[in-house]
Amino acid sequence: MKAKEHGISIVLNLFLGYLWIIFVNHMVAIANSFPNTLIFGGFFILLGTFLFWEIVNRITPFNTYKFNHPVRITGFASFFLAVVIYFL
């Protein structure tokens, strides 16, 4: 584990967190045009988040690490930190 791996993980996951925020905002805007907003919006956001998660796990250079590896934990923390800061 090098500081470089942690830095790359933090920057990459901050960027992916921002992309996820843009995606959710776009899906909410689309779902608001449907008559039953909660059902359609919730379904699209859950489906999109699942697909986003699968794509992120395949493109990151750290996909061979286990979930409890410190570099992945740092990445997850930075992803959720970006989301929490945006929604606060």
N, C-alpha and C. Protein backbone atom coordinates (compact mmCIF):
# COMPACT_ATOMS: atom_id res chain seq x y z
N MET A 1 0.84 -1.18 0.00
CA MET A 1 0.00 0.00 0.00
C MET A 1 0.88 1.24 0.00
N LYS A 2 0.73 2.00 -1.01
CA LYS A 2 1.49 3.23 -1.11
C LYS A 2 0.54 4.41 -1.02
N ALA A 3 1.12 5.55 -0.74
CA ALA A 3 0.30 6.77 -0.68
C ALA A 3 -0.28 7.08 -2.05
N LYS A 4 0.43 6.68 -3.10
CA LYS A 4 -0.05 6.92 -4.46
C LYS A 4 -1.36 6.16 -4.71
N GLU A 5 -1.46 4.92 -4.24
CA GLU A 5 -2.69 4.14 -4.41
C GLU A 5 -3.85 4.80 -3.68
N HIS A 6 -3.60 5.27 -2.47
CA HIS A 6 -4.66 5.94 -1.71
C HIS A 6 -5.09 7.23 -2.41
N GLY A 7 -4.13 7.98 -2.91
CA GLY A 7 -4.45 9.23 -3.60
C GLY A 7 -5.26 8.99 -4.86
N ILE A 8 -4.86 8.00 -5.65
CA ILE A 8 -5.61 7.68 -6.87
C ILE A 8 -7.02 7.22 -6.52
N SER A 9 -7.14 6.40 -5.49
CA SER A 9 -8.45 5.91 -5.07
C SER A 9 -9.35 7.06 -4.61
N ILE A 10 -8.79 8.00 -3.87
CA ILE A 10 -9.58 9.13 -3.38
C ILE A 10 -10.06 10.00 -4.54
N VAL A 11 -9.15 10.36 -5.44
CA VAL A 11 -9.51 11.23 -6.56
C VAL A 11 -10.51 10.54 -7.48
N LEU A 12 -10.27 9.27 -7.80
CA LEU A 12 -11.17 8.54 -8.69
C LEU A 12 -12.56 8.41 -8.09
N ASN A 13 -12.65 8.08 -6.82
CA ASN A 13 -13.96 7.89 -6.21
C ASN A 13 -14.67 9.21 -5.94
N LEU A 14 -13.95 10.29 -5.70
CA LEU A 14 -14.60 11.60 -5.61
C LEU A 14 -15.24 11.96 -6.94
N PHE A 15 -14.52 11.71 -8.03
CA PHE A 15 -15.06 11.97 -9.36
C PHE A 15 -16.27 11.09 -9.64
N LEU A 16 -16.19 9.81 -9.29
CA LEU A 16 -17.32 8.91 -9.52
C LEU A 16 -18.52 9.29 -8.65
N GLY A 17 -18.26 9.77 -7.44
CA GLY A 17 -19.35 10.25 -6.60
C GLY A 17 -20.06 11.43 -7.23
N TYR A 18 -19.29 12.34 -7.82
CA TYR A 18 -19.88 13.49 -8.50
C TYR A 18 -20.68 13.03 -9.72
N LEU A 19 -20.17 12.06 -10.47
CA LEU A 19 -20.92 11.53 -11.61
C LEU A 19 -22.24 10.89 -11.16
N TRP A 20 -22.21 10.20 -10.02
CA TRP A 20 -23.43 9.58 -9.52
C TRP A 20 -24.45 10.65 -9.13
N ILE A 21 -23.98 11.73 -8.54
CA ILE A 21 -24.87 12.84 -8.17
C ILE A 21 -25.52 13.44 -9.41
N ILE A 22 -24.73 13.64 -10.46
CA ILE A 22 -25.29 14.17 -11.71
C ILE A 22 -26.33 13.20 -12.27
N PHE A 23 -26.04 11.91 -12.24
CA PHE A 23 -26.97 10.90 -12.72
C PHE A 23 -28.28 10.93 -11.94
N VAL A 24 -28.21 10.97 -10.62
CA VAL A 24 -29.42 10.97 -9.79
C VAL A 24 -30.23 12.24 -10.04
N ASN A 25 -29.58 13.38 -10.15
CA ASN A 25 -30.31 14.62 -10.43
C ASN A 25 -31.01 14.55 -11.78
N HIS A 26 -30.35 13.97 -12.76
CA HIS A 26 -30.97 13.82 -14.08
C HIS A 26 -32.16 12.86 -14.02
N MET A 27 -32.01 11.77 -13.29
CA MET A 27 -33.11 10.80 -13.19
C MET A 27 -34.30 11.39 -12.43
N VAL A 28 -34.05 12.19 -11.43
CA VAL A 28 -35.14 12.85 -10.70
C VAL A 28 -35.87 13.82 -11.62
N ALA A 29 -35.14 14.54 -12.44
CA ALA A 29 -35.78 15.47 -13.38
C ALA A 29 -36.63 14.72 -14.40
N ILE A 30 -36.16 13.57 -14.86
CA ILE A 30 -36.96 12.76 -15.80
C ILE A 30 -38.16 12.16 -15.10
N ALA A 31 -37.97 11.66 -13.89
CA ALA A 31 -39.07 11.01 -13.17
C ALA A 31 -40.17 12.00 -12.81
N ASN A 32 -39.84 13.26 -12.64
CA ASN A 32 -40.86 14.26 -12.32
C ASN A 32 -41.84 14.48 -13.46
N SER A 33 -41.48 14.07 -14.66
CA SER A 33 -42.40 14.23 -15.80
C SER A 33 -43.41 13.08 -15.88
N PHE A 34 -43.21 12.01 -15.13
CA PHE A 34 -44.14 10.89 -15.13
C PHE A 34 -45.27 11.14 -14.14
N PRO A 35 -46.44 10.51 -14.36
CA PRO A 35 -47.56 10.74 -13.44
C PRO A 35 -47.32 10.17 -12.03
N ASN A 36 -46.68 9.02 -11.91
CA ASN A 36 -46.43 8.42 -10.60
C ASN A 36 -44.93 8.55 -10.31
N THR A 37 -44.54 9.67 -9.78
CA THR A 37 -43.14 10.04 -9.64
C THR A 37 -42.37 9.10 -8.72
N LEU A 38 -42.94 8.74 -7.59
CA LEU A 38 -42.21 7.96 -6.60
C LEU A 38 -41.84 6.58 -7.13
N ILE A 39 -42.77 5.91 -7.77
CA ILE A 39 -42.51 4.55 -8.25
C ILE A 39 -41.50 4.57 -9.40
N PHE A 40 -41.75 5.41 -10.41
CA PHE A 40 -40.84 5.46 -11.56
C PHE A 40 -39.47 5.99 -11.16
N GLY A 41 -39.44 7.04 -10.39
CA GLY A 41 -38.16 7.62 -9.98
C GLY A 41 -37.35 6.67 -9.12
N GLY A 42 -38.01 6.04 -8.16
CA GLY A 42 -37.31 5.09 -7.30
C GLY A 42 -36.76 3.91 -8.07
N PHE A 43 -37.58 3.41 -9.01
CA PHE A 43 -37.14 2.27 -9.82
C PHE A 43 -35.94 2.64 -10.68
N PHE A 44 -36.02 3.79 -11.36
CA PHE A 44 -34.92 4.20 -12.23
C PHE A 44 -33.64 4.50 -11.44
N ILE A 45 -33.79 5.12 -10.29
CA ILE A 45 -32.61 5.44 -9.48
C ILE A 45 -31.97 4.16 -8.95
N LEU A 46 -32.78 3.21 -8.47
CA LEU A 46 -32.22 1.95 -7.98
C LEU A 46 -31.56 1.15 -9.09
N LEU A 47 -32.22 1.06 -10.23
CA LEU A 47 -31.66 0.33 -11.36
C LEU A 47 -30.38 1.00 -11.85
N GLY A 48 -30.40 2.30 -11.99
CA GLY A 48 -29.22 3.03 -12.44
C GLY A 48 -28.07 2.94 -11.45
N THR A 49 -28.38 2.98 -10.16
CA THR A 49 -27.34 2.87 -9.14
C THR A 49 -26.70 1.49 -9.17
N PHE A 50 -27.52 0.46 -9.36
CA PHE A 50 -26.97 -0.90 -9.47
C PHE A 50 -26.05 -1.02 -10.69
N LEU A 51 -26.49 -0.50 -11.83
CA LEU A 51 -25.65 -0.55 -13.03
C LEU A 51 -24.38 0.29 -12.86
N PHE A 52 -24.51 1.45 -12.22
CA PHE A 52 -23.36 2.31 -11.96
C PHE A 52 -22.35 1.58 -11.07
N TRP A 53 -22.84 0.89 -10.05
CA TRP A 53 -21.98 0.13 -9.14
C TRP A 53 -21.21 -0.95 -9.89
N GLU A 54 -21.90 -1.67 -10.79
CA GLU A 54 -21.24 -2.72 -11.55
C GLU A 54 -20.17 -2.15 -12.47
N ILE A 55 -20.47 -1.06 -13.13
CA ILE A 55 -19.50 -0.44 -14.03
C ILE A 55 -18.30 0.07 -13.25
N VAL A 56 -18.54 0.72 -12.13
CA VAL A 56 -17.45 1.26 -11.32
C VAL A 56 -16.54 0.15 -10.82
N ASN A 57 -17.12 -0.97 -10.40
CA ASN A 57 -16.30 -2.07 -9.90
C ASN A 57 -15.46 -2.71 -11.00
N ARG A 58 -15.86 -2.57 -12.24
CA ARG A 58 -15.10 -3.17 -13.34
C ARG A 58 -14.03 -2.24 -13.90
N ILE A 59 -14.24 -0.93 -13.82
CA ILE A 59 -13.28 -0.02 -14.46
C ILE A 59 -12.20 0.48 -13.52
N THR A 60 -12.42 0.39 -12.23
CA THR A 60 -11.40 0.91 -11.31
C THR A 60 -10.19 -0.02 -11.30
N PRO A 61 -9.00 0.53 -11.12
CA PRO A 61 -7.81 -0.32 -11.10
C PRO A 61 -7.69 -1.15 -9.83
N PHE A 62 -8.60 -0.95 -8.88
CA PHE A 62 -8.52 -1.64 -7.61
C PHE A 62 -9.57 -2.74 -7.49
N ASN A 63 -10.08 -3.24 -8.62
CA ASN A 63 -11.15 -4.22 -8.56
C ASN A 63 -10.66 -5.59 -8.09
N THR A 64 -9.36 -5.82 -8.03
CA THR A 64 -8.86 -7.11 -7.55
C THR A 64 -8.74 -7.14 -6.03
N TYR A 65 -8.83 -5.99 -5.39
CA TYR A 65 -8.75 -5.95 -3.93
C TYR A 65 -10.07 -6.40 -3.31
N LYS A 66 -9.97 -6.97 -2.11
CA LYS A 66 -11.18 -7.34 -1.38
C LYS A 66 -11.86 -6.08 -0.85
N PHE A 67 -13.12 -6.24 -0.41
CA PHE A 67 -13.88 -5.09 0.07
C PHE A 67 -13.29 -4.48 1.34
N ASN A 68 -12.57 -5.27 2.13
CA ASN A 68 -12.02 -4.74 3.37
C ASN A 68 -10.57 -4.27 3.22
N HIS A 69 -10.09 -4.14 2.00
CA HIS A 69 -8.74 -3.63 1.77
C HIS A 69 -8.72 -2.12 2.06
N PRO A 70 -7.68 -1.62 2.70
CA PRO A 70 -7.66 -0.20 3.08
C PRO A 70 -7.81 0.78 1.91
N VAL A 71 -7.29 0.44 0.74
CA VAL A 71 -7.42 1.33 -0.40
C VAL A 71 -8.87 1.41 -0.85
N ARG A 72 -9.57 0.29 -0.85
CA ARG A 72 -10.98 0.30 -1.24
C ARG A 72 -11.83 1.01 -0.19
N ILE A 73 -11.51 0.82 1.07
CA ILE A 73 -12.26 1.51 2.13
C ILE A 73 -12.07 3.02 2.00
N THR A 74 -10.85 3.45 1.70
CA THR A 74 -10.58 4.87 1.48
C THR A 74 -11.39 5.39 0.30
N GLY A 75 -11.46 4.60 -0.77
CA GLY A 75 -12.24 5.00 -1.95
C GLY A 75 -13.72 5.10 -1.65
N PHE A 76 -14.26 4.10 -0.94
CA PHE A 76 -15.68 4.15 -0.58
C PHE A 76 -15.97 5.36 0.30
N ALA A 77 -15.07 5.64 1.24
CA ALA A 77 -15.27 6.79 2.12
C ALA A 77 -15.27 8.10 1.34
N SER A 78 -14.38 8.23 0.37
CA SER A 78 -14.35 9.47 -0.41
C SER A 78 -15.58 9.59 -1.31
N PHE A 79 -16.07 8.47 -1.84
CA PHE A 79 -17.30 8.48 -2.65
C PHE A 79 -18.47 8.98 -1.81
N PHE A 80 -18.64 8.38 -0.64
CA PHE A 80 -19.77 8.76 0.22
C PHE A 80 -19.58 10.17 0.79
N LEU A 81 -18.35 10.59 1.00
CA LEU A 81 -18.10 11.95 1.46
C LEU A 81 -18.53 12.97 0.42
N ALA A 82 -18.26 12.68 -0.85
CA ALA A 82 -18.69 13.59 -1.93
C ALA A 82 -20.21 13.68 -1.97
N VAL A 83 -20.88 12.54 -1.81
CA VAL A 83 -22.35 12.53 -1.85
C VAL A 83 -22.93 13.26 -0.65
N VAL A 84 -22.39 13.01 0.53
CA VAL A 84 -22.90 13.64 1.75
C VAL A 84 -22.68 15.15 1.71
N ILE A 85 -21.53 15.59 1.26
CA ILE A 85 -21.26 17.03 1.17
C ILE A 85 -22.23 17.69 0.20
N TYR A 86 -22.53 17.03 -0.90
CA TYR A 86 -23.46 17.62 -1.87
C TYR A 86 -24.86 17.75 -1.29
N PHE A 87 -25.35 16.71 -0.63
CA PHE A 87 -26.72 16.73 -0.15
C PHE A 87 -26.90 17.49 1.16
N LEU A 88 -25.83 17.86 1.84
CA LEU A 88 -25.97 18.68 3.04
C LEU A 88 -26.03 20.12 2.62
